[in-house]
C-alpha atoms as a PDB file:
ATOM      1  CA  MET A   1     -28.962  -6.913 -28.483  1.00  0.00           C
ATOM      2  CA  ALA A   2     -28.317  -5.719 -32.021  1.00  0.00           C
ATOM      3  CA  GLU A   3     -24.796  -5.907 -33.435  1.00  0.00           C
ATOM      4  CA  GLN A   4     -23.050  -2.619 -32.832  1.00  0.00           C
ATOM      5  CA  GLU A   5     -19.887  -0.817 -33.806  1.00  0.00           C
ATOM      6  CA  VAL A   6     -17.532  -0.631 -30.858  1.00  0.00           C
ATOM      7  CA  THR A   7     -15.193   2.185 -29.968  1.00  0.00           C
ATOM      8  CA  ILE A   8     -12.440   0.927 -27.686  1.00  0.00           C
ATOM      9  CA  SER A   9     -11.968   3.349 -24.828  1.00  0.00           C
ATOM     10  CA  MET A  10     -10.511   3.355 -21.346  1.00  0.00           C
ATOM     11  CA  GLU A  11     -13.314   5.634 -20.193  1.00  0.00           C
ATOM     12  CA  PRO A  12     -16.046   4.109 -17.979  1.00  0.00           C
ATOM     13  CA  ALA A  13     -18.098   2.089 -20.437  1.00  0.00           C
ATOM     14  CA  PHE A  14     -21.838   1.637 -20.115  1.00  0.00           C
ATOM     15  CA  VAL A  15     -21.964   2.259 -16.362  1.00  0.00           C
ATOM     16  CA  PRO A  16     -23.391   5.643 -15.206  1.00  0.00           C
ATOM     17  CA  ASP A  17     -21.624   7.322 -12.296  1.00  0.00           C
ATOM     18  CA  ASP A  18     -24.734   7.090 -10.122  1.00  0.00           C
ATOM     19  CA  GLN A  19     -24.605   3.292 -10.385  1.00  0.00           C
ATOM     20  CA  ILE A  20     -21.075   2.982  -9.010  1.00  0.00           C
ATOM     21  CA  GLU A  21     -21.707   1.791  -5.471  1.00  0.00           C
ATOM     22  CA  PRO A  22     -19.554   2.016  -2.277  1.00  0.00           C
ATOM     23  CA  PRO A  23     -16.822   1.606  -1.227  1.00  0.00           C
ATOM     24  CA  LEU A  24     -15.486   3.236  -4.405  1.00  0.00           C
ATOM     25  CA  LYS A  25     -17.198   6.232  -5.932  1.00  0.00           C
ATOM     26  CA  LYS A  26     -15.623   8.450  -8.532  1.00  0.00           C
ATOM     27  CA  GLU A  27     -14.477  11.016  -5.988  1.00  0.00           C
ATOM     28  CA  GLU A  28     -13.182   8.454  -3.502  1.00  0.00           C
ATOM     29  CA  LYS A  29      -9.993   6.439  -3.236  1.00  0.00           C
ATOM     30  CA  VAL A  30      -9.218   2.877  -2.292  1.00  0.00           C
ATOM     31  CA  PRO A  31      -8.862   2.513   1.524  1.00  0.00           C
ATOM     32  CA  GLY A  32      -5.271   3.327   2.430  1.00  0.00           C
ATOM     33  CA  ALA A  33      -4.486   5.047  -0.858  1.00  0.00           C
ATOM     34  CA  PRO A  34      -2.538   6.975  -1.861  1.00  0.00           C
ATOM     35  CA  SER A  35      -0.274   7.283   1.206  1.00  0.00           C
ATOM     36  CA  ALA A  36      -0.242   3.543   1.849  1.00  0.00           C
ATOM     37  CA  MET A  37       0.189   2.564  -1.790  1.00  0.00           C
ATOM     38  CA  VAL A  38       3.384   0.643  -2.369  1.00  0.00           C
ATOM     39  CA  PRO A  39       4.957   1.136  -5.808  1.00  0.00           C
ATOM     40  CA  THR A  40       4.295  -1.799  -8.120  1.00  0.00           C
ATOM     41  CA  ALA A  41       7.401  -3.880  -8.777  1.00  0.00           C
ATOM     42  CA  PRO A  42       9.527  -2.593 -11.692  1.00  0.00           C
ATOM     43  CA  GLY A  43       8.480  -4.068 -15.014  1.00  0.00           C
ATOM     44  CA  LYS A  44       4.999  -5.013 -13.765  1.00  0.00           C
ATOM     45  CA  LYS A  45       1.886  -3.540 -15.315  1.00  0.00           C
ATOM     46  CA  ARG A  46      -1.169  -5.044 -13.635  1.00  0.00           C
ATOM     47  CA  LEU A  47      -4.744  -5.199 -14.870  1.00  0.00           C
ATOM     48  CA  ILE A  48      -7.699  -5.954 -12.598  1.00  0.00           C
ATOM     49  CA  PHE A  49      -9.656  -8.478 -14.648  1.00  0.00           C
ATOM     50  CA  ASN A  50     -12.934 -10.420 -14.434  1.00  0.00           C
ATOM     51  CA  ILE A  51     -15.388 -12.095 -16.806  1.00  0.00           C
ATOM     52  CA  GLU A  52     -19.057 -12.983 -16.439  1.00  0.00           C
ATOM     53  CA  THR A  53     -20.434 -16.039 -18.213  1.00  0.00           C
ATOM     54  CA  LEU A  54     -23.705 -17.879 -18.747  1.00  0.00           C
ATOM     55  CA  GLY A  55     -22.372 -20.872 -16.804  1.00  0.00           C
ATOM     56  CA  VAL A  56     -19.190 -22.528 -15.592  1.00  0.00           C
ATOM     57  CA  ASN A  57     -18.397 -24.759 -18.591  1.00  0.00           C
ATOM     58  CA  PRO A  58     -16.307 -22.978 -21.248  1.00  0.00           C
ATOM     59  CA  LEU A  59     -17.205 -25.716 -23.764  1.00  0.00           C
ATOM     60  CA  LYS A  60     -20.905 -24.844 -23.488  1.00  0.00           C
ATOM     61  CA  ASN A  61     -21.399 -21.421 -21.873  1.00  0.00           C
ATOM     62  CA  ARG A  62     -20.362 -18.183 -23.566  1.00  0.00           C
ATOM     63  CA  ILE A  63     -18.735 -15.105 -22.040  1.00  0.00           C
ATOM     64  CA  ILE A  64     -21.166 -12.191 -21.702  1.00  0.00           C
ATOM     65  CA  THR A  65     -18.928  -9.473 -20.201  1.00  0.00           C
ATOM     66  CA  ILE A  66     -15.226  -8.746 -19.900  1.00  0.00           C
ATOM     67  CA  GLY A  67     -14.431  -6.169 -17.208  1.00  0.00           C
ATOM     68  CA  PHE A  68     -11.121  -4.582 -16.353  1.00  0.00           C
ATOM     69  CA  GLN A  69      -9.384  -1.605 -14.734  1.00  0.00           C
ATOM     70  CA  ASP A  70      -5.765  -0.532 -14.400  1.00  0.00           C
ATOM     71  CA  SER A  71      -4.579  -1.479 -10.913  1.00  0.00           C
ATOM     72  CA  GLU A  72      -3.071   1.991 -10.409  1.00  0.00           C
ATOM     73  CA  ASP A  73      -6.221   3.822 -11.469  1.00  0.00           C
ATOM     74  CA  VAL A  74      -7.825   3.995  -8.025  1.00  0.00           C
ATOM     75  CA  GLU A  75      -9.861   7.101  -8.878  1.00  0.00           C
ATOM     76  CA  GLY A  76     -11.329   5.783 -12.119  1.00  0.00           C
ATOM     77  CA  ASN A  77     -14.217   3.469 -12.933  1.00  0.00           C
ATOM     78  CA  PRO A  78     -14.158   0.001 -14.498  1.00  0.00           C
ATOM     79  CA  THR A  79     -14.446  -0.594 -18.219  1.00  0.00           C
ATOM     80  CA  VAL A  80     -16.913  -3.321 -19.222  1.00  0.00           C
ATOM     81  CA  ILE A  81     -17.206  -4.844 -22.706  1.00  0.00           C
ATOM     82  CA  MET A  82     -20.544  -6.521 -23.504  1.00  0.00           C
ATOM     83  CA  LEU A  83     -21.501  -7.335 -27.106  1.00  0.00           C
ATOM     84  CA  ASP A  84     -23.623  -9.845 -28.988  1.00  0.00           C
ATOM     85  CA  SER A  85     -20.469 -11.182 -30.620  1.00  0.00           C
ATOM     86  CA  GLU A  86     -18.300 -13.045 -28.115  1.00  0.00           C
ATOM     87  CA  GLU A  87     -15.489 -13.199 -30.656  1.00  0.00           C
ATOM     88  CA  GLN A  88     -15.503  -9.413 -31.059  1.00  0.00           C
ATOM     89  CA  MET A  89     -15.474  -8.974 -27.264  1.00  0.00           C
ATOM     90  CA  LEU A  90     -12.370 -11.146 -27.053  1.00  0.00           C
ATOM     91  CA  ARG A  91     -10.643  -9.268 -29.869  1.00  0.00           C
ATOM     92  CA  ASN A  92     -11.423  -5.882 -28.315  1.00  0.00           C
ATOM     93  CA  PHE A  93     -10.082  -6.966 -24.936  1.00  0.00           C
ATOM     94  CA  LEU A  94      -6.918  -8.487 -26.417  1.00  0.00           C
ATOM     95  CA  GLN A  95      -6.331  -5.302 -28.413  1.00  0.00           C
ATOM     96  CA  ILE A  96      -6.409  -3.196 -25.246  1.00  0.00           C
ATOM     97  CA  LEU A  97      -4.194  -5.678 -23.380  1.00  0.00           C
ATOM     98  CA  SER A  98      -1.634  -5.575 -26.201  1.00  0.00           C
ATOM     99  CA  ASP A  99      -1.758  -1.829 -26.824  1.00  0.00           C
ATOM    100  CA  GLU A 100      -1.389  -0.913 -23.149  1.00  0.00           C
ATOM    101  CA  GLY A 101       1.371  -3.456 -22.447  1.00  0.00           C
ATOM    102  CA  TYR A 102      -0.186  -5.258 -19.478  1.00  0.00           C
ATOM    103  CA  ASN A 103       1.847  -8.254 -18.326  1.00  0.00           C
ATOM    104  CA  GLU A 104       0.111  -9.361 -15.125  1.00  0.00           C
ATOM    105  CA  LEU A 105      -3.572 -10.073 -14.465  1.00  0.00           C
ATOM    106  CA  VAL A 106      -5.151  -9.544 -11.040  1.00  0.00           C
ATOM    107  CA  GLY A 107      -8.360 -11.323 -10.111  1.00  0.00           C
ATOM    108  CA  TYR A 108     -10.208 -13.545  -7.678  1.00  0.00           C
ATOM    109  CA  ASN A 109     -10.277 -17.256  -8.553  1.00  0.00           C
ATOM    110  CA  LEU A 110      -8.289 -16.091 -11.526  1.00  0.00           C
ATOM    111  CA  SER A 111      -7.668 -19.538 -13.016  1.00  0.00           C
ATOM    112  CA  PHE A 112     -11.366 -19.681 -13.936  1.00  0.00           C
ATOM    113  CA  ASP A 113     -11.269 -16.440 -15.947  1.00  0.00           C
ATOM    114  CA  TYR A 114      -7.851 -17.155 -17.459  1.00  0.00           C
ATOM    115  CA  ARG A 115      -8.679 -20.685 -18.626  1.00  0.00           C
ATOM    116  CA  TYR A 116     -12.062 -19.543 -19.947  1.00  0.00           C
ATOM    117  CA  ILE A 117     -10.528 -16.815 -22.114  1.00  0.00           C
ATOM    118  CA  LEU A 118      -7.897 -19.212 -23.488  1.00  0.00           C
ATOM    119  CA  LEU A 119     -10.422 -21.903 -24.408  1.00  0.00           C
ATOM    120  CA  ARG A 120     -12.769 -19.418 -26.069  1.00  0.00           C
ATOM    121  CA  CYS A 121      -9.819 -17.959 -28.014  1.00  0.00           C
ATOM    122  CA  MET A 122      -8.970 -21.497 -29.122  1.00  0.00           C
ATOM    123  CA  TYR A 123     -12.587 -21.934 -30.245  1.00  0.00           C
ATOM    124  CA  TYR A 124     -12.384 -18.820 -32.452  1.00  0.00           C
ATOM    125  CA  ASN A 125      -8.720 -19.511 -33.367  1.00  0.00           C
ATOM    126  CA  ILE A 126      -7.620 -16.086 -32.057  1.00  0.00           C
ATOM    127  CA  PRO A 127      -3.862 -15.786 -31.366  1.00  0.00           C
ATOM    128  CA  CYS A 128      -3.355 -14.367 -27.867  1.00  0.00           C
ATOM    129  CA  LYS A 129       0.288 -14.754 -26.863  1.00  0.00           C
ATOM    130  CA  GLU A 130       0.247 -11.465 -24.886  1.00  0.00           C
ATOM    131  CA  PHE A 131      -2.605 -12.794 -22.769  1.00  0.00           C
ATOM    132  CA  PHE A 132      -1.054 -16.263 -22.456  1.00  0.00           C
ATOM    133  CA  ASP A 133       2.265 -14.785 -21.286  1.00  0.00           C
ATOM    134  CA  CYS A 134       0.679 -12.682 -18.517  1.00  0.00           C
ATOM    135  CA  GLU A 135       1.570 -13.595 -14.954  1.00  0.00           C
ATOM    136  CA  LEU A 136      -1.329 -14.258 -12.583  1.00  0.00           C
ATOM    137  CA  TYR A 137      -1.940 -12.482  -9.248  1.00  0.00           C
ATOM    138  CA  ASP A 138      -4.800 -14.451  -7.671  1.00  0.00           C
ATOM    139  CA  LEU A 139      -6.338 -12.769  -4.642  1.00  0.00           C
ATOM    140  CA  MET A 140      -8.319 -15.898  -3.790  1.00  0.00           C
ATOM    141  CA  GLN A 141      -4.986 -17.592  -3.156  1.00  0.00           C
ATOM    142  CA  ALA A 142      -4.017 -14.694  -0.872  1.00  0.00           C
ATOM    143  CA  VAL A 143      -7.263 -15.034   1.099  1.00  0.00           C
ATOM    144  CA  GLN A 144      -7.045 -18.817   1.111  1.00  0.00           C
ATOM    145  CA  GLN A 145      -3.505 -19.198   2.412  1.00  0.00           C
ATOM    146  CA  GLY A 146      -2.123 -15.726   3.220  1.00  0.00           C
ATOM    147  CA  LYS A 147       0.834 -15.876   0.851  1.00  0.00           C
ATOM    148  CA  LEU A 148       0.773 -15.954  -2.933  1.00  0.00           C
ATOM    149  CA  ALA A 149       3.556 -18.564  -2.921  1.00  0.00           C
ATOM    150  CA  PHE A 150       2.820 -22.247  -2.284  1.00  0.00           C
ATOM    151  CA  VAL A 151       1.988 -23.240   1.290  1.00  0.00           C
ATOM    152  CA  TYR A 152       0.995 -26.611   2.719  1.00  0.00           C
ATOM    153  CA  ASN A 153      -2.594 -27.348   3.662  1.00  0.00           C
ATOM    154  CA  PRO A 154      -4.331 -24.203   2.347  1.00  0.00           C
ATOM    155  CA  GLN A 155      -7.754 -23.394   3.776  1.00  0.00           C
ATOM    156  CA  LYS A 156     -11.035 -23.342   1.887  1.00  0.00           C
ATOM    157  CA  ALA A 157     -11.437 -19.914   0.315  1.00  0.00           C
ATOM    158  CA  PRO A 158     -14.626 -17.846   0.712  1.00  0.00           C
ATOM    159  CA  ASN A 159     -16.170 -16.240  -2.346  1.00  0.00           C
ATOM    160  CA  LEU A 160     -15.376 -12.659  -3.309  1.00  0.00           C
ATOM    161  CA  SER A 161     -18.781 -11.348  -2.239  1.00  0.00           C
ATOM    162  CA  ASP A 162     -18.381 -12.742   1.300  1.00  0.00           C
ATOM    163  CA  VAL A 163     -14.847 -11.344   1.632  1.00  0.00           C
ATOM    164  CA  SER A 164     -15.996  -7.916   0.453  1.00  0.00           C
ATOM    165  CA  ASP A 165     -18.978  -8.000   2.782  1.00  0.00           C
ATOM    166  CA  PHE A 166     -16.697  -8.847   5.728  1.00  0.00           C
ATOM    167  CA  LEU A 167     -14.021  -6.248   4.935  1.00  0.00           C
ATOM    168  CA  PHE A 168     -15.970  -3.420   3.306  1.00  0.00           C
ATOM    169  CA  ASN A 169     -19.692  -4.153   3.851  1.00  0.00           C
ATOM    170  CA  TYR A 170     -19.881  -4.431   0.044  1.00  0.00           C
ATOM    171  CA  PRO A 171     -21.370  -7.741  -1.170  1.00  0.00           C
ATOM    172  CA  LYS A 172     -22.681  -8.471  -4.657  1.00  0.00           C
ATOM    173  CA  PRO A 173     -25.835  -6.537  -5.596  1.00  0.00           C
ATOM    174  CA  PHE A 174     -27.462  -9.872  -6.501  1.00  0.00           C
ATOM    175  CA  THR A 175     -26.490 -13.505  -7.156  1.00  0.00           C
ATOM    176  CA  ASP A 176     -24.855 -14.930 -10.273  1.00  0.00           C
ATOM    177  CA  GLU A 177     -28.080 -16.750 -11.101  1.00  0.00           C
ATOM    178  CA  GLU A 178     -30.037 -13.490 -10.878  1.00  0.00           C
ATOM    179  CA  MET A 179     -27.456 -11.761 -13.086  1.00  0.00           C
ATOM    180  CA  ILE A 180     -27.871 -14.462 -15.752  1.00  0.00           C
ATOM    181  CA  ALA A 181     -31.658 -14.112 -15.526  1.00  0.00           C
ATOM    182  CA  PHE A 182     -31.320 -10.340 -16.029  1.00  0.00           C
ATOM    183  CA  TYR A 183     -29.139 -10.948 -19.098  1.00  0.00           C
ATOM    184  CA  GLU A 184     -31.601 -13.376 -20.624  1.00  0.00           C
ATOM    185  CA  ALA A 185     -34.437 -10.919 -19.915  1.00  0.00           C
ATOM    186  CA  GLY A 186     -32.564  -8.115 -21.683  1.00  0.00           C
ATOM    187  CA  GLU A 187     -31.940  -6.070 -18.513  1.00  0.00           C
ATOM    188  CA  TYR A 188     -28.394  -5.287 -19.560  1.00  0.00           C
ATOM    189  CA  ASP A 189     -27.957  -2.299 -17.217  1.00  0.00           C
ATOM    190  CA  LYS A 190     -28.131  -4.675 -14.230  1.00  0.00           C
ATOM    191  CA  VAL A 191     -25.639  -7.048 -15.843  1.00  0.00           C
ATOM    192  CA  LEU A 192     -23.217  -4.183 -16.430  1.00  0.00           C
ATOM    193  CA  LEU A 193     -23.666  -2.938 -12.868  1.00  0.00           C
ATOM    194  CA  PHE A 194     -22.892  -6.433 -11.573  1.00  0.00           C
ATOM    195  CA  ALA A 195     -19.792  -6.772 -13.770  1.00  0.00           C
ATOM    196  CA  SER A 196     -18.550  -3.287 -12.868  1.00  0.00           C
ATOM    197  CA  SER A 197     -18.977  -3.868  -9.135  1.00  0.00           C
ATOM    198  CA  GLN A 198     -17.004  -7.130  -9.361  1.00  0.00           C
ATOM    199  CA  ILE A 199     -14.028  -5.200 -10.717  1.00  0.00           C
ATOM    200  CA  THR A 200     -14.398  -2.628  -7.931  1.00  0.00           C
ATOM    201  CA  ARG A 201     -14.466  -5.349  -5.257  1.00  0.00           C
ATOM    202  CA  THR A 202     -11.328  -6.901  -6.712  1.00  0.00           C
ATOM    203  CA  LEU A 203      -9.504  -3.566  -6.948  1.00  0.00           C
ATOM    204  CA  VAL A 204     -10.233  -2.621  -3.322  1.00  0.00           C
ATOM    205  CA  LEU A 205      -9.240  -6.091  -2.095  1.00  0.00           C
ATOM    206  CA  TYR A 206      -6.020  -5.886  -4.121  1.00  0.00           C
ATOM    207  CA  TRP A 207      -4.910  -2.619  -2.504  1.00  0.00           C
ATOM    208  CA  THR A 208      -6.022  -3.716   0.971  1.00  0.00           C
ATOM    209  CA  TYR A 209      -3.968  -6.910   0.671  1.00  0.00           C
ATOM    210  CA  ARG A 210      -0.934  -5.039  -0.626  1.00  0.00           C
ATOM    211  CA  ASN A 211      -1.286  -2.418   2.119  1.00  0.00           C
ATOM    212  CA  VAL A 212      -1.082  -4.955   4.953  1.00  0.00           C
ATOM    213  CA  SER A 213       1.389  -7.350   3.292  1.00  0.00           C
ATOM    214  CA  GLU A 214       3.889  -4.848   1.889  1.00  0.00           C
ATOM    215  CA  ASN A 215       3.841  -1.957   4.398  1.00  0.00           C
ATOM    216  CA  SER A 216       5.852  -2.251   7.600  1.00  0.00           C
ATOM    217  CA  PHE A 217       4.119  -1.973  10.968  1.00  0.00           C
ATOM    218  CA  GLN A 218       4.419   1.512  12.477  1.00  0.00           C
ATOM    219  CA  THR A 219       4.373   2.397  16.169  1.00  0.00           C
ATOM    220  CA  SER A 220       2.688   5.613  17.236  1.00  0.00           C
ATOM    221  CA  SER A 221       4.216   7.999  19.770  1.00  0.00           C
ATOM    222  CA  SER A 222       1.944   6.587  22.506  1.00  0.00           C
ATOM    223  CA  GLY A 223       3.353   3.113  21.990  1.00  0.00           C
ATOM    224  CA  MET A 224       0.112   1.767  20.557  1.00  0.00           C
ATOM    225  CA  GLY A 225       0.385   0.153  17.123  1.00  0.00           C
ATOM    226  CA  GLY A 226      -1.385   1.089  13.964  1.00  0.00           C
ATOM    227  CA  ALA A 227       0.303   3.676  11.752  1.00  0.00           C
ATOM    228  CA  GLY A 228      -1.260   6.622  13.548  1.00  0.00           C
ATOM    229  CA  SER A 229      -4.837   5.302  13.566  1.00  0.00           C
ATOM    230  CA  SER A 230      -6.672   5.149  16.882  1.00  0.00           C
ATOM    231  CA  SER A 231      -9.542   2.878  15.881  1.00  0.00           C
ATOM    232  CA  THR A 232      -9.676  -0.863  16.372  1.00  0.00           C
ATOM    233  CA  THR A 233     -10.841  -3.347  13.735  1.00  0.00           C
ATOM    234  CA  PRO A 234     -14.375  -4.622  14.395  1.00  0.00           C
ATOM    235  CA  PRO A 235     -14.532  -8.322  15.284  1.00  0.00           C
ATOM    236  CA  PRO A 236     -16.127 -10.640  12.703  1.00  0.00           C
ATOM    237  CA  GLY A 237     -19.823  -9.977  12.336  1.00  0.00           C
ATOM    238  CA  GLU A 238     -19.721  -6.452  13.780  1.00  0.00           C
ATOM    239  CA  LYS A 239     -19.749  -3.455  11.459  1.00  0.00           C
ATOM    240  CA  SER A 240     -19.734  -0.503  13.835  1.00  0.00           C
ATOM    241  CA  GLY A 241     -20.107   0.683  17.416  1.00  0.00           C
ATOM    242  CA  GLN A 242     -16.632  -0.435  18.519  1.00  0.00           C
ATOM    243  CA  LEU A 243     -14.692   1.546  21.126  1.00  0.00           C
ATOM    244  CA  THR A 244     -11.564   3.240  19.900  1.00  0.00           C
ATOM    245  CA  ILE A 245      -8.223   2.620  21.571  1.00  0.00           C
ATOM    246  CA  SER A 246      -8.334   6.087  23.134  1.00  0.00           C
ATOM    247  CA  GLU A 247     -11.777   5.385  24.592  1.00  0.00           C
ATOM    248  CA  VAL A 248     -10.657   2.081  26.059  1.00  0.00           C
ATOM    249  CA  SER A 249      -7.634   3.755  27.683  1.00  0.00           C
ATOM    250  CA  ALA A 250      -9.551   6.759  29.076  1.00  0.00           C
ATOM    251  CA  PRO A 251     -10.110   7.018  32.855  1.00  0.00           C
ATOM    252  CA  GLU A 252     -13.547   6.295  34.270  1.00  0.00           C
ATOM    253  CA  LEU A 253     -15.521   9.538  34.636  1.00  0.00           C
ATOM    254  CA  THR A 254     -18.080  10.775  37.173  1.00  0.00           C
ATOM    255  CA  THR A 255     -20.721  13.405  36.372  1.00  0.00           C
ATOM    256  CA  TRP A 256     -21.391  16.296  38.804  1.00  0.00           C
ATOM    257  CA  LYS A 257     -24.417  18.591  38.528  1.00  0.00           C
ATOM    258  CA  CYS A 258     -25.324  21.941  40.077  1.00  0.00           C
ATOM    259  CA  PRO A 259     -28.791  21.691  41.742  1.00  0.00           C
ATOM    260  CA  VAL A 260     -29.487  25.381  41.105  1.00  0.00           C
ATOM    261  CA  CYS A 261     -28.413  26.219  37.542  1.00  0.00           C
ATOM    262  CA  LEU A 262     -28.175  22.559  36.406  1.00  0.00           C
ATOM    263  CA  ALA A 263     -24.691  22.975  34.961  1.00  0.00           C
ATOM    264  CA  GLU A 264     -22.797  19.657  34.551  1.00  0.00           C
ATOM    265  CA  ILE A 265     -19.133  18.713  34.547  1.00  0.00           C
ATOM    266  CA  LYS A 266     -17.288  15.375  34.239  1.00  0.00           C
ATOM    267  CA  LEU A 267     -14.288  14.514  36.427  1.00  0.00           C
ATOM    268  CA  ALA A 268     -12.101  11.444  36.756  1.00  0.00           C
ATOM    269  CA  LYS A 269     -13.361   8.982  39.340  1.00  0.00           C
ATOM    270  CA  GLY A 270     -12.161  10.031  42.842  1.00  0.00           C
ATOM    271  CA  GLU A 271     -11.886  13.736  42.013  1.00  0.00           C
ATOM    272  CA  THR A 272     -14.290  16.256  43.536  1.00  0.00           C
ATOM    273  CA  PRO A 273     -15.317  19.643  42.081  1.00  0.00           C
ATOM    274  CA  GLY A 274     -15.224  23.015  43.746  1.00  0.00           C
ATOM    275  CA  ALA A 275     -18.153  25.420  43.660  1.00  0.00           C
ATOM    276  CA  CYS A 276     -20.210  25.719  40.479  1.00  0.00           C
ATOM    277  CA  ALA A 277     -18.372  28.024  38.099  1.00  0.00           C
ATOM    278  CA  ILE A 278     -21.665  29.608  37.008  1.00  0.00           C
ATOM    279  CA  CYS A 279     -23.626  30.264  40.176  1.00  0.00           C
ATOM    280  CA  GLY A 280     -21.215  29.321  42.980  1.00  0.00           C
ATOM    281  CA  ASN A 281     -23.374  26.599  44.568  1.00  0.00           C
ATOM    282  CA  VAL A 282     -22.119  23.207  45.704  1.00  0.00           C
ATOM    283  CA  MET A 283     -22.066  20.551  42.928  1.00  0.00           C
ATOM    284  CA  GLU A 284     -23.726  17.177  43.485  1.00  0.00           C
ATOM    285  CA  LYS A 285     -22.633  13.804  42.088  1.00  0.00           C
ATOM    286  CA  ILE A 286     -25.182  12.075  39.835  1.00  0.00           C
END
């Protein structure tokens, strides 16, 4: 890629609307939003944040994209910075972080991204106190142990793609190794799609976690739980075809058919129909 002049913008960068995949499209909202959205704690300004790199060693492998999105901007699209100059990418990102006043970063396995940025800033001798002072909201910790605070004996955490596939049927479009191969082959549109979708996965997971952890349980008028929703959550491994609560609670039905006009009606088991409402003949059970 040739060196290019960069205009810093919060508009969707480099990613066409038709490449923004489910579960978030431009006209859609995060599941549960906005009615289930809990106000962010006073004084907090959170930024969904993720980097893509050419490897896992910050002493050897450079950053190739920096992606981000305001945590409250559930109707917008991610911004992705990708330039030949890694130093300029870092400076552009830090400028936005400073100008917009973000003080908390939200990510998945966030220590990787945070440490990587710090070490690369040290390499280029770029002051970054605003970034260093940011608090960290790591969703991998939430998935790994439930709470963001310390707990004993945390479980092994799945990767973000597997969590998103389980919750939203929204895994990565391809593997990290394939993304690196696309970058090295100059297929930058696929790299930007990958980076953008990672931010989207993190944003949706963030609001889903906050929805269930910060909203109180609500009981419907029928006594069944679930904040007014009648559908059950599919068990692991099943994406659809589950009975709703109302279907499970419904009485067993029997079908009756008129032998003359072929009209059909359904009645609760044990009930019998009168004459056919259309032709007056006796209905038969089928």
